[in-house]
Amino acid sequence: MTRIKDVYAWLDGVAPFDTAEEWDNSGLQLGDPEAEVERALLCLDVDAGALERAEAMDAQLVISHHPLLFHPIKTLSQGFEAELLCRMVRGGRGLIAAHTNLDKARGGVNECLLRSLGVEPSGQGGFVLTGELEGEPSAGAFLELVRERLNEQAWFFGDREAKLRRLAVCSGGGGDFFQEAYRLGAQAFLTGEMAHHNLLRARALGLQLFVAGHAQTENVVLSPLAKRLSRKLGICTEIYPYVAIQ
């Protein structure tokens, strides 16, 4: 019999919760640690769609990347989070969030992001992972791969003819870490979001920039994590991936 506490312990082993950033709120957010788990839903965000999927599969546990409880709330009588939390309580569902601890873990979000592009990790600096690109493709050719694998609307800032040897990635809102990518010797930096002033600073360093969307650079972790969880604990898992609104 698998319980919520067993899932938590397994997640803590692969992505230790004490490695999460101080401002983060990863961990068990809702539920009885002793409650039994036969089915779990993995998602990026707990929203109405994810909760509907959890209810349809009768999942006893939801594992989200982004915490539903991120900022303190004073009441459960109104608001987005309150409505979802009350609905989960009524359904007897638990909630675990694995956020910044999963971003930087071995086999976590950034490693899955690199591997989704056919690149093996070779270096790390904090949240940033690097890998060597086979055949030194042009930035333009690599952009086509990014648009095929991650987001057909991915943005590029740089010289399409530039040759790329080393790629650095930082998923989600990782645009602030461009200087770490540069320090690690990357010619290209791929992230989900990047502020305008950081785009300018990164381009001044000569980095070729790929901005592929916050959720699109994080979706890549859901399926591998669900498979690992099922193999290890024997529970049925499903994923609810982010789908961009067109």
C-alpha atoms as a PDB file:
ATOM      1  CA  MET A   1       0.000   0.000   0.000  1.00  0.00           C
ATOM      2  CA  THR A   2       1.388   3.383  -1.052  1.00  0.00           C
ATOM      3  CA  ARG A   3       0.599   6.452   1.007  1.00  0.00           C
ATOM      4  CA  ILE A   4       1.051  10.168   0.366  1.00  0.00           C
ATOM      5  CA  LYS A   5       4.033  10.159   2.719  1.00  0.00           C
ATOM      6  CA  ASP A   6       5.693   7.479   0.544  1.00  0.00           C
ATOM      7  CA  VAL A   7       5.293   9.608  -2.575  1.00  0.00           C
ATOM      8  CA  TYR A   8       6.641  12.598  -0.687  1.00  0.00           C
ATOM      9  CA  ALA A   9       9.653  10.580   0.494  1.00  0.00           C
ATOM     10  CA  TRP A  10      10.377   9.381  -3.036  1.00  0.00           C
ATOM     11  CA  LEU A  11      10.172  12.919  -4.429  1.00  0.00           C
ATOM     12  CA  ASP A  12      12.403  14.117  -1.602  1.00  0.00           C
ATOM     13  CA  GLY A  13      14.950  11.529  -2.666  1.00  0.00           C
ATOM     14  CA  VAL A  14      15.040  12.547  -6.321  1.00  0.00           C
ATOM     15  CA  ALA A  15      14.570  16.308  -5.777  1.00  0.00           C
ATOM     16  CA  PRO A  16      15.240  17.147  -2.122  1.00  0.00           C
ATOM     17  CA  PHE A  17      12.748  19.679  -0.825  1.00  0.00           C
ATOM     18  CA  ASP A  18      15.414  21.377   1.284  1.00  0.00           C
ATOM     19  CA  THR A  19      17.149  22.468  -1.937  1.00  0.00           C
ATOM     20  CA  ALA A  20      14.170  24.643  -2.924  1.00  0.00           C
ATOM     21  CA  GLU A  21      14.746  28.381  -2.903  1.00  0.00           C
ATOM     22  CA  GLU A  22      13.849  30.276   0.283  1.00  0.00           C
ATOM     23  CA  TRP A  23      11.069  32.179  -1.482  1.00  0.00           C
ATOM     24  CA  ASP A  24       9.546  28.972  -2.825  1.00  0.00           C
ATOM     25  CA  ASN A  25       6.770  26.899  -1.241  1.00  0.00           C
ATOM     26  CA  SER A  26       7.443  23.360  -2.379  1.00  0.00           C
ATOM     27  CA  GLY A  27       6.298  20.371  -0.359  1.00  0.00           C
ATOM     28  CA  LEU A  28       3.061  18.841   0.900  1.00  0.00           C
ATOM     29  CA  GLN A  29       0.439  21.557   0.530  1.00  0.00           C
ATOM     30  CA  LEU A  30      -2.745  19.621   1.248  1.00  0.00           C
ATOM     31  CA  GLY A  31      -3.779  16.206   2.518  1.00  0.00           C
ATOM     32  CA  ASP A  32      -3.156  13.531   5.121  1.00  0.00           C
ATOM     33  CA  PRO A  33       0.315  11.970   4.791  1.00  0.00           C
ATOM     34  CA  GLU A  34      -1.194   8.628   5.833  1.00  0.00           C
ATOM     35  CA  ALA A  35      -3.825   8.664   3.054  1.00  0.00           C
ATOM     36  CA  GLU A  36      -3.574   5.842   0.527  1.00  0.00           C
ATOM     37  CA  VAL A  37      -2.591   6.608  -3.067  1.00  0.00           C
ATOM     38  CA  GLU A  38      -3.444   4.376  -6.004  1.00  0.00           C
ATOM     39  CA  ARG A  39      -3.628   7.063  -8.695  1.00  0.00           C
ATOM     40  CA  ALA A  40      -1.811  10.397  -9.090  1.00  0.00           C
ATOM     41  CA  LEU A  41      -2.072  13.246 -11.568  1.00  0.00           C
ATOM     42  CA  LEU A  42       1.035  15.241 -12.524  1.00  0.00           C
ATOM     43  CA  CYS A  43       0.636  18.778 -13.851  1.00  0.00           C
ATOM     44  CA  LEU A  44       2.433  22.098 -14.134  1.00  0.00           C
ATOM     45  CA  ASP A  45      -0.347  24.070 -12.468  1.00  0.00           C
ATOM     46  CA  VAL A  46      -3.409  23.196 -10.447  1.00  0.00           C
ATOM     47  CA  ASP A  47      -6.261  24.813 -12.350  1.00  0.00           C
ATOM     48  CA  ALA A  48      -9.842  23.841 -13.151  1.00  0.00           C
ATOM     49  CA  GLY A  49      -8.769  21.682 -16.087  1.00  0.00           C
ATOM     50  CA  ALA A  50      -6.175  19.776 -14.081  1.00  0.00           C
ATOM     51  CA  LEU A  51      -8.622  19.219 -11.251  1.00  0.00           C
ATOM     52  CA  GLU A  52     -11.268  17.936 -13.658  1.00  0.00           C
ATOM     53  CA  ARG A  53      -8.757  15.406 -14.970  1.00  0.00           C
ATOM     54  CA  ALA A  54      -7.846  14.369 -11.416  1.00  0.00           C
ATOM     55  CA  GLU A  55     -11.527  13.896 -10.600  1.00  0.00           C
ATOM     56  CA  ALA A  56     -12.166  11.925 -13.789  1.00  0.00           C
ATOM     57  CA  MET A  57      -9.373   9.464 -12.987  1.00  0.00           C
ATOM     58  CA  ASP A  58     -10.245   9.504  -9.263  1.00  0.00           C
ATOM     59  CA  ALA A  59      -6.704  10.503  -8.327  1.00  0.00           C
ATOM     60  CA  GLN A  60      -6.049  10.633  -4.597  1.00  0.00           C
ATOM     61  CA  LEU A  61      -2.996  12.868  -5.145  1.00  0.00           C
ATOM     62  CA  VAL A  62      -2.039  15.740  -7.419  1.00  0.00           C
ATOM     63  CA  ILE A  63       1.640  16.532  -7.950  1.00  0.00           C
ATOM     64  CA  SER A  64       2.155  19.996  -9.422  1.00  0.00           C
ATOM     65  CA  HIS A  65       5.299  21.811 -10.460  1.00  0.00           C
ATOM     66  CA  HIS A  66       4.090  25.282  -9.507  1.00  0.00           C
ATOM     67  CA  PRO A  67       2.723  25.568  -5.957  1.00  0.00           C
ATOM     68  CA  LEU A  68      -0.967  26.390  -5.723  1.00  0.00           C
ATOM     69  CA  LEU A  69      -0.259  27.940  -2.328  1.00  0.00           C
ATOM     70  CA  PHE A  70       2.512  30.355  -3.246  1.00  0.00           C
ATOM     71  CA  HIS A  71       1.550  33.465  -1.305  1.00  0.00           C
ATOM     72  CA  PRO A  72      -0.276  33.500   2.046  1.00  0.00           C
ATOM     73  CA  ILE A  73      -4.067  33.617   1.804  1.00  0.00           C
ATOM     74  CA  LYS A  74      -6.259  34.816   4.657  1.00  0.00           C
ATOM     75  CA  THR A  75      -9.520  33.073   3.813  1.00  0.00           C
ATOM     76  CA  LEU A  76     -10.896  30.043   1.997  1.00  0.00           C
ATOM     77  CA  SER A  77     -14.186  31.779   1.273  1.00  0.00           C
ATOM     78  CA  GLN A  78     -13.284  33.320  -2.080  1.00  0.00           C
ATOM     79  CA  GLY A  79     -10.602  33.490  -4.731  1.00  0.00           C
ATOM     80  CA  PHE A  80      -8.970  31.202  -7.255  1.00  0.00           C
ATOM     81  CA  GLU A  81      -6.847  29.223  -4.806  1.00  0.00           C
ATOM     82  CA  ALA A  82      -9.633  28.931  -2.234  1.00  0.00           C
ATOM     83  CA  GLU A  83     -12.087  27.503  -4.736  1.00  0.00           C
ATOM     84  CA  LEU A  84      -9.642  24.851  -5.916  1.00  0.00           C
ATOM     85  CA  LEU A  85      -8.457  23.951  -2.424  1.00  0.00           C
ATOM     86  CA  CYS A  86     -12.007  23.532  -1.112  1.00  0.00           C
ATOM     87  CA  ARG A  87     -12.846  21.379  -4.106  1.00  0.00           C
ATOM     88  CA  MET A  88      -9.816  19.185  -3.429  1.00  0.00           C
ATOM     89  CA  VAL A  89     -10.687  18.879   0.261  1.00  0.00           C
ATOM     90  CA  ARG A  90     -14.225  17.810  -0.610  1.00  0.00           C
ATOM     91  CA  GLY A  91     -12.803  15.174  -2.958  1.00  0.00           C
ATOM     92  CA  GLY A  92     -10.241  13.965  -0.414  1.00  0.00           C
ATOM     93  CA  ARG A  93      -7.285  14.731  -2.685  1.00  0.00           C
ATOM     94  CA  GLY A  94      -3.780  15.579  -1.540  1.00  0.00           C
ATOM     95  CA  LEU A  95      -1.395  18.045  -3.189  1.00  0.00           C
ATOM     96  CA  ILE A  96       2.385  18.048  -3.377  1.00  0.00           C
ATOM     97  CA  ALA A  97       4.323  20.802  -5.181  1.00  0.00           C
ATOM     98  CA  ALA A  98       7.862  20.210  -6.473  1.00  0.00           C
ATOM     99  CA  HIS A  99       9.099  23.511  -7.879  1.00  0.00           C
ATOM    100  CA  THR A 100      12.625  24.932  -7.649  1.00  0.00           C
ATOM    101  CA  ASN A 101      13.891  21.705  -6.073  1.00  0.00           C
ATOM    102  CA  LEU A 102      12.768  19.853  -9.221  1.00  0.00           C
ATOM    103  CA  ASP A 103      14.169  22.530 -11.530  1.00  0.00           C
ATOM    104  CA  LYS A 104      17.736  21.875 -10.484  1.00  0.00           C
ATOM    105  CA  ALA A 105      17.575  18.190  -9.531  1.00  0.00           C
ATOM    106  CA  ARG A 106      19.324  15.457 -11.463  1.00  0.00           C
ATOM    107  CA  GLY A 107      16.697  14.202 -13.901  1.00  0.00           C
ATOM    108  CA  GLY A 108      14.654  17.329 -13.162  1.00  0.00           C
ATOM    109  CA  VAL A 109      13.177  20.021 -15.352  1.00  0.00           C
ATOM    110  CA  ASN A 110      16.352  21.469 -16.835  1.00  0.00           C
ATOM    111  CA  GLU A 111      17.896  18.079 -17.536  1.00  0.00           C
ATOM    112  CA  CYS A 112      14.674  16.966 -19.236  1.00  0.00           C
ATOM    113  CA  LEU A 113      14.719  20.200 -21.237  1.00  0.00           C
ATOM    114  CA  LEU A 114      18.221  19.512 -22.532  1.00  0.00           C
ATOM    115  CA  ARG A 115      17.418  15.895 -23.344  1.00  0.00           C
ATOM    116  CA  SER A 116      14.235  16.890 -25.185  1.00  0.00           C
ATOM    117  CA  LEU A 117      16.539  18.659 -27.641  1.00  0.00           C
ATOM    118  CA  GLY A 118      18.823  15.656 -27.977  1.00  0.00           C
ATOM    119  CA  VAL A 119      21.569  17.165 -25.820  1.00  0.00           C
ATOM    120  CA  GLU A 120      23.349  15.388 -22.962  1.00  0.00           C
ATOM    121  CA  PRO A 121      24.168  17.433 -19.844  1.00  0.00           C
ATOM    122  CA  SER A 122      27.848  18.244 -19.409  1.00  0.00           C
ATOM    123  CA  GLY A 123      27.982  21.101 -16.907  1.00  0.00           C
ATOM    124  CA  GLN A 124      25.936  22.921 -14.307  1.00  0.00           C
ATOM    125  CA  GLY A 125      25.913  26.223 -12.492  1.00  0.00           C
ATOM    126  CA  GLY A 126      22.999  26.609 -10.108  1.00  0.00           C
ATOM    127  CA  PHE A 127      19.813  26.338 -12.137  1.00  0.00           C
ATOM    128  CA  VAL A 128      21.684  26.473 -15.469  1.00  0.00           C
ATOM    129  CA  LEU A 129      22.640  23.275 -17.294  1.00  0.00           C
ATOM    130  CA  THR A 130      24.903  23.064 -20.325  1.00  0.00           C
ATOM    131  CA  GLY A 131      25.465  20.519 -23.054  1.00  0.00           C
ATOM    132  CA  GLU A 132      27.535  20.216 -26.215  1.00  0.00           C
ATOM    133  CA  LEU A 133      25.729  20.446 -29.559  1.00  0.00           C
ATOM    134  CA  GLU A 134      26.698  17.799 -32.084  1.00  0.00           C
ATOM    135  CA  GLY A 135      28.010  19.098 -35.396  1.00  0.00           C
ATOM    136  CA  GLU A 136      28.009  22.773 -34.337  1.00  0.00           C
ATOM    137  CA  PRO A 137      24.656  23.664 -35.956  1.00  0.00           C
ATOM    138  CA  SER A 138      23.784  27.172 -36.995  1.00  0.00           C
ATOM    139  CA  ALA A 139      21.508  29.144 -34.708  1.00  0.00           C
ATOM    140  CA  GLY A 140      18.896  29.117 -37.470  1.00  0.00           C
ATOM    141  CA  ALA A 141      18.965  25.329 -37.742  1.00  0.00           C
ATOM    142  CA  PHE A 142      18.762  24.960 -33.986  1.00  0.00           C
ATOM    143  CA  LEU A 143      15.798  27.340 -33.886  1.00  0.00           C
ATOM    144  CA  GLU A 144      13.903  24.980 -36.176  1.00  0.00           C
ATOM    145  CA  LEU A 145      14.569  22.140 -33.725  1.00  0.00           C
ATOM    146  CA  VAL A 146      13.387  24.258 -30.789  1.00  0.00           C
ATOM    147  CA  ARG A 147      10.191  25.126 -32.641  1.00  0.00           C
ATOM    148  CA  GLU A 148       9.620  21.479 -33.547  1.00  0.00           C
ATOM    149  CA  ARG A 149      10.296  20.039 -30.090  1.00  0.00           C
ATOM    150  CA  LEU A 150       9.100  22.796 -27.726  1.00  0.00           C
ATOM    151  CA  ASN A 151       7.098  25.651 -29.182  1.00  0.00           C
ATOM    152  CA  GLU A 152       6.416  26.524 -32.798  1.00  0.00           C
ATOM    153  CA  GLN A 153       6.217  30.183 -31.749  1.00  0.00           C
ATOM    154  CA  ALA A 154       9.587  30.263 -29.962  1.00  0.00           C
ATOM    155  CA  TRP A 155      11.436  33.565 -30.334  1.00  0.00           C
ATOM    156  CA  PHE A 156      15.046  33.973 -31.408  1.00  0.00           C
ATOM    157  CA  PHE A 157      17.330  36.940 -30.830  1.00  0.00           C
ATOM    158  CA  GLY A 158      20.704  36.863 -32.510  1.00  0.00           C
ATOM    159  CA  ASP A 159      22.531  35.840 -35.682  1.00  0.00           C
ATOM    160  CA  ARG A 160      20.960  32.866 -37.481  1.00  0.00           C
ATOM    161  CA  GLU A 161      24.301  32.067 -39.125  1.00  0.00           C
ATOM    162  CA  ALA A 162      26.215  31.823 -35.840  1.00  0.00           C
ATOM    163  CA  LYS A 163      27.682  28.388 -35.108  1.00  0.00           C
ATOM    164  CA  LEU A 164      26.752  26.857 -31.766  1.00  0.00           C
ATOM    165  CA  ARG A 165      28.995  24.524 -29.787  1.00  0.00           C
ATOM    166  CA  ARG A 166      27.605  24.751 -26.272  1.00  0.00           C
ATOM    167  CA  LEU A 167      24.001  25.290 -25.213  1.00  0.00           C
ATOM    168  CA  ALA A 168      22.887  26.513 -21.782  1.00  0.00           C
ATOM    169  CA  VAL A 169      19.298  26.125 -20.619  1.00  0.00           C
ATOM    170  CA  CYS A 170      17.244  27.424 -17.717  1.00  0.00           C
ATOM    171  CA  SER A 171      13.568  26.543 -17.901  1.00  0.00           C
ATOM    172  CA  GLY A 172      10.549  28.677 -17.023  1.00  0.00           C
ATOM    173  CA  GLY A 173      11.315  32.228 -15.921  1.00  0.00           C
ATOM    174  CA  GLY A 174      15.070  31.628 -16.086  1.00  0.00           C
ATOM    175  CA  GLY A 175      16.058  34.616 -18.198  1.00  0.00           C
ATOM    176  CA  ASP A 176      17.847  36.288 -15.292  1.00  0.00           C
ATOM    177  CA  PHE A 177      20.549  33.612 -15.429  1.00  0.00           C
ATOM    178  CA  PHE A 178      22.050  34.602 -18.791  1.00  0.00           C
ATOM    179  CA  GLN A 179      25.307  35.666 -17.125  1.00  0.00           C
ATOM    180  CA  GLU A 180      25.740  32.177 -15.672  1.00  0.00           C
ATOM    181  CA  ALA A 181      25.208  30.734 -19.155  1.00  0.00           C
ATOM    182  CA  TYR A 182      27.933  33.058 -20.454  1.00  0.00           C
ATOM    183  CA  ARG A 183      30.255  32.143 -17.580  1.00  0.00           C
ATOM    184  CA  LEU A 184      29.826  28.472 -18.447  1.00  0.00           C
ATOM    185  CA  GLY A 185      31.072  29.118 -21.972  1.00  0.00           C
ATOM    186  CA  ALA A 186      27.799  28.769 -23.855  1.00  0.00           C
ATOM    187  CA  GLN A 187      27.226  30.430 -27.223  1.00  0.00           C
ATOM    188  CA  ALA A 188      23.466  29.892 -26.937  1.00  0.00           C
ATOM    189  CA  PHE A 189      21.037  30.307 -24.050  1.00  0.00           C
ATOM    190  CA  LEU A 190      17.530  28.831 -24.062  1.00  0.00           C
ATOM    191  CA  THR A 191      14.933  29.839 -21.502  1.00  0.00           C
ATOM    192  CA  GLY A 192      11.193  30.283 -21.112  1.00  0.00           C
ATOM    193  CA  GLU A 193      10.923  33.999 -20.377  1.00  0.00           C
ATOM    194  CA  MET A 194      13.346  36.895 -20.549  1.00  0.00           C
ATOM    195  CA  ALA A 195      12.946  40.558 -19.650  1.00  0.00           C
ATOM    196  CA  HIS A 196      13.751  43.107 -22.340  1.00  0.00           C
ATOM    197  CA  HIS A 197      16.722  44.645 -20.526  1.00  0.00           C
ATOM    198  CA  ASN A 198      18.218  41.178 -20.005  1.00  0.00           C
ATOM    199  CA  LEU A 199      17.792  40.440 -23.710  1.00  0.00           C
ATOM    200  CA  LEU A 200      19.850  43.525 -24.461  1.00  0.00           C
ATOM    201  CA  ARG A 201      22.526  42.623 -21.925  1.00  0.00           C
ATOM    202  CA  ALA A 202      22.760  39.039 -23.109  1.00  0.00           C
ATOM    203  CA  ARG A 203      23.041  40.059 -26.739  1.00  0.00           C
ATOM    204  CA  ALA A 204      25.817  42.488 -25.795  1.00  0.00           C
ATOM    205  CA  LEU A 205      27.709  39.456 -24.466  1.00  0.00           C
ATOM    206  CA  GLY A 206      27.267  37.752 -27.831  1.00  0.00           C
ATOM    207  CA  LEU A 207      24.803  35.090 -26.665  1.00  0.00           C
ATOM    208  CA  GLN A 208      22.336  33.671 -29.162  1.00  0.00           C
ATOM    209  CA  LEU A 209      18.982  33.640 -27.374  1.00  0.00           C
ATOM    210  CA  PHE A 210      16.040  31.246 -27.667  1.00  0.00           C
ATOM    211  CA  VAL A 211      12.900  32.144 -25.699  1.00  0.00           C
ATOM    212  CA  ALA A 212      10.505  29.212 -25.939  1.00  0.00           C
ATOM    213  CA  GLY A 213       7.794  29.901 -23.347  1.00  0.00           C
ATOM    214  CA  HIS A 214       7.592  29.384 -19.590  1.00  0.00           C
ATOM    215  CA  ALA A 215       5.354  26.329 -19.574  1.00  0.00           C
ATOM    216  CA  GLN A 216       6.659  24.903 -22.846  1.00  0.00           C
ATOM    217  CA  THR A 217      10.141  24.612 -21.338  1.00  0.00           C
ATOM    218  CA  GLU A 218       8.739  22.866 -18.245  1.00  0.00           C
ATOM    219  CA  ASN A 219       6.186  20.455 -19.771  1.00  0.00           C
ATOM    220  CA  VAL A 220       9.103  18.205 -20.685  1.00  0.00           C
ATOM    221  CA  VAL A 221       9.501  16.941 -17.101  1.00  0.00           C
ATOM    222  CA  LEU A 222       5.976  15.592 -16.591  1.00  0.00           C
ATOM    223  CA  SER A 223       6.060  12.382 -18.606  1.00  0.00           C
ATOM    224  CA  PRO A 224       9.528  11.199 -17.456  1.00  0.00           C
ATOM    225  CA  LEU A 225       8.677  11.963 -13.826  1.00  0.00           C
ATOM    226  CA  ALA A 226       5.334  10.136 -14.058  1.00  0.00           C
ATOM    227  CA  LYS A 227       7.027   7.056 -15.522  1.00  0.00           C
ATOM    228  CA  ARG A 228       9.685   7.036 -12.799  1.00  0.00           C
ATOM    229  CA  LEU A 229       7.057   7.403 -10.095  1.00  0.00           C
ATOM    230  CA  SER A 230       4.947   4.558 -11.494  1.00  0.00           C
ATOM    231  CA  ARG A 231       7.932   2.230 -11.774  1.00  0.00           C
ATOM    232  CA  LYS A 232       9.156   2.949  -8.264  1.00  0.00           C
ATOM    233  CA  LEU A 233       5.908   3.009  -6.274  1.00  0.00           C
ATOM    234  CA  GLY A 234       3.541   1.054  -8.501  1.00  0.00           C
ATOM    235  CA  ILE A 235       0.812   3.680  -8.639  1.00  0.00           C
ATOM    236  CA  CYS A 236      -1.141   4.667 -11.747  1.00  0.00           C
ATOM    237  CA  THR A 237      -0.123   8.078 -13.067  1.00  0.00           C
ATOM    238  CA  GLU A 238      -1.458  10.441 -15.691  1.00  0.00           C
ATOM    239  CA  ILE A 239      -0.196  13.833 -16.823  1.00  0.00           C
ATOM    240  CA  TYR A 240      -2.089  17.017 -17.546  1.00  0.00           C
ATOM    241  CA  PRO A 241       0.282  19.042 -19.752  1.00  0.00           C
ATOM    242  CA  TYR A 242       0.017  22.753 -20.283  1.00  0.00           C
ATOM    243  CA  VAL A 243      -1.706  23.608 -23.555  1.00  0.00           C
ATOM    244  CA  ALA A 244      -1.144  27.095 -24.946  1.00  0.00           C
ATOM    245  CA  ILE A 245      -4.229  29.180 -25.653  1.00  0.00           C
ATOM    246  CA  GLN A 246      -4.328  30.047 -29.334  1.00  0.00           C
END
